[in-house]
Each structure stands twice: as C-alpha cells, then as structure tokens.
Amino acid sequence: LNREESCGGHFRVEHQTEEGEAKRDDEHFVYAAVWEYKGENEAPELTKEPLNFEFVHPAQRNYKD
C-alpha cells in the first residue's frame, strides 16, 4: 500500500479532520491502480489509470451529519 491517510474503512488518527472524521488525500490519489506481480525476487510494477469526474466529484466524508 502506498497510501498513508485514512481511506475507505481504514481510519488513522494522524490523518483526521478537526471534527475527528477521516481525512482523505484525493488530490494525490485520483486514479485506479493495480500492482503487477513481476516474479519472484522482482519488484512489482504499479500501473495507474486516471479518474475523470464529470458529474460527481470526490469530497470529504462526514458521518456525523
């Protein structure tokens, strides 16, 4: 995993809003990704596909309201 912030169901206290909600980093992680296995003793290769949003845009979640 190359993401450190809270995302999905993984909450990290060092990445939260002032209200205690999970803080995401969509600015740097707006893509679909897959790690390709290259074989034993080889580093995997990360392939990214950019995501484009026309109608709905990523936004900070708030589960308290």
Protein backbone atom coordinates (compact mmCIF):
# COMPACT_ATOMS: atom_id res chain seq x y z
CA LEU A 1 0.00 0.00 0.00
CA ASN A 2 1.32 3.39 -0.88
CA ARG A 3 -1.38 5.48 0.82
CA GLU A 4 -0.89 6.65 4.39
CA GLU A 5 -4.01 8.71 5.03
CA SER A 6 -7.42 7.50 6.14
CA CYS A 7 -9.30 5.98 3.21
CA GLY A 8 -12.26 3.68 2.92
CA GLY A 9 -12.70 1.73 6.15
CA HIS A 10 -9.15 2.40 7.35
CA PHE A 11 -9.10 5.24 9.88
CA ARG A 12 -5.78 6.64 11.08
CA VAL A 13 -5.72 9.13 13.95
CA GLU A 14 -2.78 11.04 12.43
CA HIS A 15 -4.94 11.75 9.34
CA GLN A 16 -8.20 13.21 10.62
CA THR A 17 -10.11 16.46 10.39
CA GLU A 18 -10.60 18.80 13.36
CA GLU A 19 -14.03 17.17 13.79
CA GLY A 20 -12.47 13.70 14.07
CA GLU A 21 -13.51 12.49 10.62
CA ALA A 22 -11.23 10.54 8.26
CA LYS A 23 -9.14 12.92 6.16
CA ARG A 24 -8.54 11.75 2.59
CA ASP A 25 -5.87 12.81 0.07
CA ASP A 26 -7.83 12.74 -3.18
CA GLU A 27 -5.58 15.42 -4.69
CA HIS A 28 -2.74 12.89 -4.97
CA PHE A 29 -4.74 9.67 -5.32
CA VAL A 30 -7.37 10.24 -8.02
CA TYR A 31 -6.64 7.11 -10.02
CA ALA A 32 -7.42 3.41 -10.23
CA ALA A 33 -4.33 1.32 -9.61
CA VAL A 34 -3.11 -2.22 -9.91
CA TRP A 35 0.15 -3.80 -8.80
CA GLU A 36 1.52 -6.29 -11.32
CA TYR A 37 3.49 -9.25 -9.99
CA LYS A 38 6.74 -9.49 -11.97
CA GLY A 39 8.07 -12.69 -10.49
CA GLU A 40 9.98 -13.90 -7.50
CA ASN A 41 12.75 -11.52 -6.36
CA GLU A 42 11.39 -8.79 -8.67
CA ALA A 43 9.75 -5.54 -7.62
CA PRO A 44 6.05 -5.29 -8.53
CA GLU A 45 5.04 -2.66 -11.09
CA LEU A 46 2.39 -0.05 -10.26
CA THR A 47 0.06 0.85 -13.13
CA LYS A 48 -2.25 3.87 -12.71
CA GLU A 49 -5.32 4.90 -14.70
CA PRO A 50 -6.51 8.48 -14.11
CA LEU A 51 -10.09 9.02 -12.98
CA ASN A 52 -12.09 11.87 -14.50
CA PHE A 53 -15.20 13.16 -12.74
CA GLU A 54 -17.90 14.91 -14.78
CA PHE A 55 -20.95 14.92 -12.52
CA VAL A 56 -19.89 13.82 -9.04
CA HIS A 57 -16.60 14.95 -7.55
CA PRO A 58 -14.61 13.50 -4.62
CA ALA A 59 -15.43 15.22 -1.34
CA GLN A 60 -14.60 14.94 2.34
CA ARG A 61 -16.96 12.50 4.05
CA ASN A 62 -18.85 13.40 7.19
CA TYR A 63 -20.61 10.60 9.07
CA LYS A 64 -21.83 12.84 11.89
CA ASP A 65 -24.43 14.79 9.90
